[in-house]
Amino acid sequence: MTHVLEITTLTPAPGRTAADFVEANKDIDAYLARQPGYRWRNIAVREDGTVVDIVAWDSEEQARTSAAGIMTEMASSPVHDTIDHTTVDWRVIEVLHTA
């Protein structure tokens, strides 16, 4: 069975850190865990402070539906205040190989 990865990169908002972003994601983590097709999530930070947020889904449709919910249903989440929204790069890509 194929699956997809939702890969988001972003810079924390001015005065915020990657750790602030992670802390503010508690409600988003709970939201994701309730979504159909959710597999797992990992958040990492590059040396330059860029946050890399990777979520695995069963399908592209499920990834896109969940992302839309984060912007609507979860619009009041504190996570949105921790992000410099001008830096967000969001993509959904199909996994070709898993070992």
N, C-alpha and C. Protein backbone atom coordinates (compact mmCIF):
# COMPACT_ATOMS: atom_id res chain seq x y z
N MET A 1 0.85 -1.18 0.00
CA MET A 1 0.00 0.00 0.00
C MET A 1 0.89 1.24 0.00
N THR A 2 0.62 2.13 -0.90
CA THR A 2 1.36 3.38 -0.95
C THR A 2 0.80 4.36 0.09
N HIS A 3 1.60 5.32 0.43
CA HIS A 3 1.14 6.37 1.33
C HIS A 3 1.82 7.67 0.93
N VAL A 4 1.48 8.74 1.62
CA VAL A 4 2.04 10.04 1.28
C VAL A 4 2.65 10.68 2.53
N LEU A 5 3.55 11.63 2.27
CA LEU A 5 4.13 12.44 3.33
C LEU A 5 3.70 13.89 3.10
N GLU A 6 3.22 14.49 4.15
CA GLU A 6 2.94 15.93 4.17
C GLU A 6 4.18 16.56 4.79
N ILE A 7 4.89 17.36 4.01
CA ILE A 7 6.14 17.95 4.48
C ILE A 7 5.98 19.46 4.48
N THR A 8 6.13 20.04 5.65
CA THR A 8 6.02 21.49 5.81
C THR A 8 7.33 22.00 6.39
N THR A 9 7.86 23.04 5.78
CA THR A 9 8.99 23.74 6.38
C THR A 9 8.52 25.15 6.71
N LEU A 10 9.08 25.70 7.78
CA LEU A 10 8.69 27.04 8.22
C LEU A 10 9.74 27.61 9.14
N THR A 11 9.68 28.90 9.31
CA THR A 11 10.52 29.59 10.27
C THR A 11 9.63 30.04 11.42
N PRO A 12 10.08 29.88 12.65
CA PRO A 12 9.28 30.39 13.77
C PRO A 12 9.07 31.90 13.65
N ALA A 13 7.97 32.38 14.19
CA ALA A 13 7.68 33.82 14.21
C ALA A 13 8.78 34.55 14.98
N PRO A 14 8.97 35.84 14.70
CA PRO A 14 9.98 36.61 15.44
C PRO A 14 9.79 36.46 16.95
N GLY A 15 10.89 36.20 17.63
CA GLY A 15 10.85 36.01 19.08
C GLY A 15 10.44 34.62 19.52
N ARG A 16 10.15 33.74 18.57
CA ARG A 16 9.75 32.36 18.88
C ARG A 16 10.83 31.39 18.43
N THR A 17 10.80 30.19 18.98
CA THR A 17 11.78 29.16 18.66
C THR A 17 11.07 27.90 18.17
N ALA A 18 11.86 26.97 17.66
CA ALA A 18 11.31 25.67 17.27
C ALA A 18 10.66 24.98 18.48
N ALA A 19 11.27 25.13 19.65
CA ALA A 19 10.69 24.54 20.86
C ALA A 19 9.32 25.16 21.17
N ASP A 20 9.15 26.46 20.94
CA ASP A 20 7.85 27.09 21.12
C ASP A 20 6.82 26.50 20.16
N PHE A 21 7.24 26.28 18.92
CA PHE A 21 6.37 25.67 17.92
C PHE A 21 5.91 24.29 18.38
N VAL A 22 6.84 23.47 18.83
CA VAL A 22 6.50 22.11 19.30
C VAL A 22 5.53 22.19 20.47
N GLU A 23 5.80 23.03 21.45
CA GLU A 23 4.94 23.17 22.62
C GLU A 23 3.52 23.59 22.23
N ALA A 24 3.41 24.48 21.24
CA ALA A 24 2.11 24.99 20.82
C ALA A 24 1.32 23.99 19.99
N ASN A 25 1.91 22.87 19.64
CA ASN A 25 1.27 21.87 18.79
C ASN A 25 0.48 20.80 19.54
N LYS A 26 0.36 20.90 20.84
CA LYS A 26 -0.32 19.84 21.60
C LYS A 26 -1.73 19.58 21.08
N ASP A 27 -2.49 20.64 20.83
CA ASP A 27 -3.86 20.44 20.35
C ASP A 27 -3.87 19.95 18.89
N ILE A 28 -2.88 20.35 18.11
CA ILE A 28 -2.78 19.88 16.73
C ILE A 28 -2.44 18.39 16.71
N ASP A 29 -1.54 17.96 17.60
CA ASP A 29 -1.21 16.53 17.69
C ASP A 29 -2.46 15.71 17.98
N ALA A 30 -3.27 16.17 18.91
CA ALA A 30 -4.51 15.46 19.25
C ALA A 30 -5.47 15.47 18.06
N TYR A 31 -5.57 16.60 17.38
CA TYR A 31 -6.43 16.69 16.19
C TYR A 31 -5.97 15.70 15.12
N LEU A 32 -4.67 15.67 14.83
CA LEU A 32 -4.16 14.76 13.80
C LEU A 32 -4.44 13.31 14.15
N ALA A 33 -4.26 12.95 15.39
CA ALA A 33 -4.45 11.56 15.83
C ALA A 33 -5.89 11.09 15.61
N ARG A 34 -6.83 12.03 15.55
CA ARG A 34 -8.24 11.68 15.32
C ARG A 34 -8.60 11.57 13.84
N GLN A 35 -7.70 11.97 12.97
CA GLN A 35 -8.03 12.05 11.55
C GLN A 35 -7.85 10.70 10.84
N PRO A 36 -8.78 10.37 9.94
CA PRO A 36 -8.65 9.13 9.16
C PRO A 36 -7.37 9.15 8.33
N GLY A 37 -6.67 8.03 8.33
CA GLY A 37 -5.48 7.90 7.52
C GLY A 37 -4.19 8.38 8.16
N TYR A 38 -4.28 8.96 9.35
CA TYR A 38 -3.08 9.45 10.04
C TYR A 38 -2.20 8.27 10.44
N ARG A 39 -0.89 8.39 10.19
CA ARG A 39 0.06 7.34 10.57
C ARG A 39 1.01 7.80 11.67
N TRP A 40 1.71 8.90 11.44
CA TRP A 40 2.68 9.40 12.42
C TRP A 40 3.09 10.82 12.06
N ARG A 41 3.76 11.46 13.00
CA ARG A 41 4.26 12.82 12.79
C ARG A 41 5.64 12.95 13.43
N ASN A 42 6.54 13.66 12.74
CA ASN A 42 7.86 14.00 13.28
C ASN A 42 8.11 15.47 13.02
N ILE A 43 8.64 16.16 14.02
CA ILE A 43 9.05 17.55 13.86
C ILE A 43 10.53 17.62 14.17
N ALA A 44 11.29 18.24 13.26
CA ALA A 44 12.73 18.39 13.43
C ALA A 44 13.09 19.85 13.18
N VAL A 45 14.34 20.18 13.52
CA VAL A 45 14.80 21.55 13.25
C VAL A 45 16.18 21.47 12.60
N ARG A 46 16.34 22.25 11.54
CA ARG A 46 17.64 22.33 10.86
C ARG A 46 18.57 23.24 11.65
N GLU A 47 19.86 23.22 11.27
CA GLU A 47 20.86 24.05 11.94
C GLU A 47 20.51 25.53 11.87
N ASP A 48 19.84 25.95 10.80
CA ASP A 48 19.50 27.37 10.62
C ASP A 48 18.20 27.77 11.33
N GLY A 49 17.59 26.85 12.07
CA GLY A 49 16.37 27.15 12.81
C GLY A 49 15.09 26.84 12.06
N THR A 50 15.19 26.42 10.80
CA THR A 50 14.01 26.05 10.03
C THR A 50 13.39 24.79 10.61
N VAL A 51 12.09 24.83 10.82
CA VAL A 51 11.34 23.68 11.32
C VAL A 51 10.91 22.82 10.14
N VAL A 52 11.09 21.51 10.28
CA VAL A 52 10.64 20.55 9.27
C VAL A 52 9.61 19.65 9.95
N ASP A 53 8.38 19.72 9.48
CA ASP A 53 7.25 19.01 10.07
C ASP A 53 6.77 17.98 9.05
N ILE A 54 6.87 16.70 9.38
CA ILE A 54 6.53 15.62 8.45
C ILE A 54 5.42 14.77 9.06
N VAL A 55 4.35 14.61 8.29
CA VAL A 55 3.23 13.78 8.72
C VAL A 55 2.97 12.73 7.65
N ALA A 56 2.83 11.48 8.05
CA ALA A 56 2.53 10.40 7.12
C ALA A 56 1.03 10.11 7.13
N TRP A 57 0.50 9.94 5.92
CA TRP A 57 -0.93 9.69 5.72
C TRP A 57 -1.12 8.51 4.77
N ASP A 58 -2.28 7.89 4.85
CA ASP A 58 -2.61 6.82 3.91
C ASP A 58 -2.83 7.35 2.50
N SER A 59 -3.37 8.58 2.38
CA SER A 59 -3.67 9.11 1.05
C SER A 59 -3.48 10.63 0.99
N GLU A 60 -3.33 11.13 -0.23
CA GLU A 60 -3.21 12.57 -0.43
C GLU A 60 -4.49 13.28 -0.01
N GLU A 61 -5.63 12.70 -0.33
CA GLU A 61 -6.91 13.31 0.05
C GLU A 61 -7.01 13.50 1.56
N GLN A 62 -6.59 12.50 2.33
CA GLN A 62 -6.64 12.60 3.79
C GLN A 62 -5.69 13.68 4.28
N ALA A 63 -4.51 13.79 3.69
CA ALA A 63 -3.56 14.84 4.08
C ALA A 63 -4.14 16.22 3.81
N ARG A 64 -4.72 16.40 2.64
CA ARG A 64 -5.28 17.71 2.28
C ARG A 64 -6.49 18.07 3.13
N THR A 65 -7.33 17.10 3.44
CA THR A 65 -8.50 17.34 4.29
C THR A 65 -8.07 17.75 5.68
N SER A 66 -7.08 17.07 6.23
CA SER A 66 -6.58 17.39 7.56
C SER A 66 -5.95 18.78 7.58
N ALA A 67 -5.16 19.10 6.57
CA ALA A 67 -4.51 20.42 6.50
C ALA A 67 -5.56 21.53 6.44
N ALA A 68 -6.62 21.31 5.70
CA ALA A 68 -7.70 22.30 5.63
C ALA A 68 -8.33 22.49 7.01
N GLY A 69 -8.49 21.40 7.75
CA GLY A 69 -9.05 21.48 9.09
C GLY A 69 -8.17 22.24 10.06
N ILE A 70 -6.86 22.16 9.87
CA ILE A 70 -5.94 22.91 10.74
C ILE A 70 -6.14 24.41 10.53
N MET A 71 -6.47 24.79 9.31
CA MET A 71 -6.67 26.22 9.01
C MET A 71 -8.09 26.69 9.35
N THR A 72 -9.04 25.77 9.49
CA THR A 72 -10.43 26.16 9.77
C THR A 72 -10.83 25.72 11.18
N GLU A 73 -11.04 24.44 11.35
CA GLU A 73 -11.47 23.89 12.65
C GLU A 73 -10.48 24.24 13.76
N MET A 74 -9.19 24.24 13.44
CA MET A 74 -8.15 24.50 14.44
C MET A 74 -7.57 25.92 14.32
N ALA A 75 -8.33 26.84 13.74
CA ALA A 75 -7.84 28.21 13.50
C ALA A 75 -7.45 28.93 14.79
N SER A 76 -8.04 28.55 15.91
CA SER A 76 -7.73 29.22 17.18
C SER A 76 -6.55 28.57 17.92
N SER A 77 -5.93 27.57 17.32
CA SER A 77 -4.79 26.91 17.96
C SER A 77 -3.65 27.90 18.20
N PRO A 78 -3.00 27.81 19.34
CA PRO A 78 -1.86 28.69 19.60
C PRO A 78 -0.69 28.48 18.65
N VAL A 79 -0.67 27.37 17.94
CA VAL A 79 0.44 27.10 17.03
C VAL A 79 0.55 28.17 15.95
N HIS A 80 -0.56 28.72 15.50
CA HIS A 80 -0.53 29.69 14.41
C HIS A 80 0.27 30.95 14.78
N ASP A 81 0.30 31.30 16.06
CA ASP A 81 1.05 32.47 16.52
C ASP A 81 2.55 32.22 16.60
N THR A 82 2.97 30.97 16.47
CA THR A 82 4.40 30.65 16.57
C THR A 82 5.08 30.56 15.21
N ILE A 83 4.32 30.81 14.13
CA ILE A 83 4.82 30.62 12.77
C ILE A 83 4.94 31.95 12.03
N ASP A 84 6.05 32.13 11.34
CA ASP A 84 6.17 33.22 10.36
C ASP A 84 5.52 32.69 9.09
N HIS A 85 4.27 33.05 8.87
CA HIS A 85 3.48 32.46 7.79
C HIS A 85 4.02 32.77 6.40
N THR A 86 4.86 33.77 6.27
CA THR A 86 5.45 34.08 4.96
C THR A 86 6.52 33.07 4.56
N THR A 87 6.94 32.22 5.49
CA THR A 87 8.01 31.26 5.23
C THR A 87 7.50 29.83 5.01
N VAL A 88 6.21 29.61 5.13
CA VAL A 88 5.67 28.25 5.08
C VAL A 88 5.75 27.68 3.66
N ASP A 89 6.31 26.48 3.56
CA ASP A 89 6.31 25.70 2.32
C ASP A 89 5.65 24.37 2.65
N TRP A 90 4.47 24.11 2.06
CA TRP A 90 3.68 22.92 2.37
C TRP A 90 3.54 22.07 1.11
N ARG A 91 3.86 20.79 1.23
CA ARG A 91 3.77 19.87 0.10
C ARG A 91 3.27 18.51 0.56
N VAL A 92 2.60 17.83 -0.35
CA VAL A 92 2.20 16.43 -0.13
C VAL A 92 2.85 15.63 -1.25
N ILE A 93 3.63 14.62 -0.87
CA ILE A 93 4.34 13.83 -1.86
C ILE A 93 4.10 12.34 -1.63
N GLU A 94 4.03 11.60 -2.71
CA GLU A 94 3.82 10.15 -2.63
C GLU A 94 5.12 9.44 -2.28
N VAL A 95 5.04 8.48 -1.41
CA VAL A 95 6.18 7.67 -1.03
C VAL A 95 6.41 6.60 -2.11
N LEU A 96 7.61 6.53 -2.62
CA LEU A 96 7.94 5.55 -3.65
C LEU A 96 8.54 4.27 -3.09
N HIS A 97 9.17 4.40 -1.93
CA HIS A 97 9.87 3.23 -1.37
C HIS A 97 9.94 3.35 0.14
N THR A 98 9.70 2.25 0.80
CA THR A 98 9.86 2.16 2.25
C THR A 98 10.68 0.92 2.54
N ALA A 99 11.71 1.04 3.36
CA ALA A 99 12.56 -0.11 3.70
C ALA A 99 12.38 -0.47 5.15
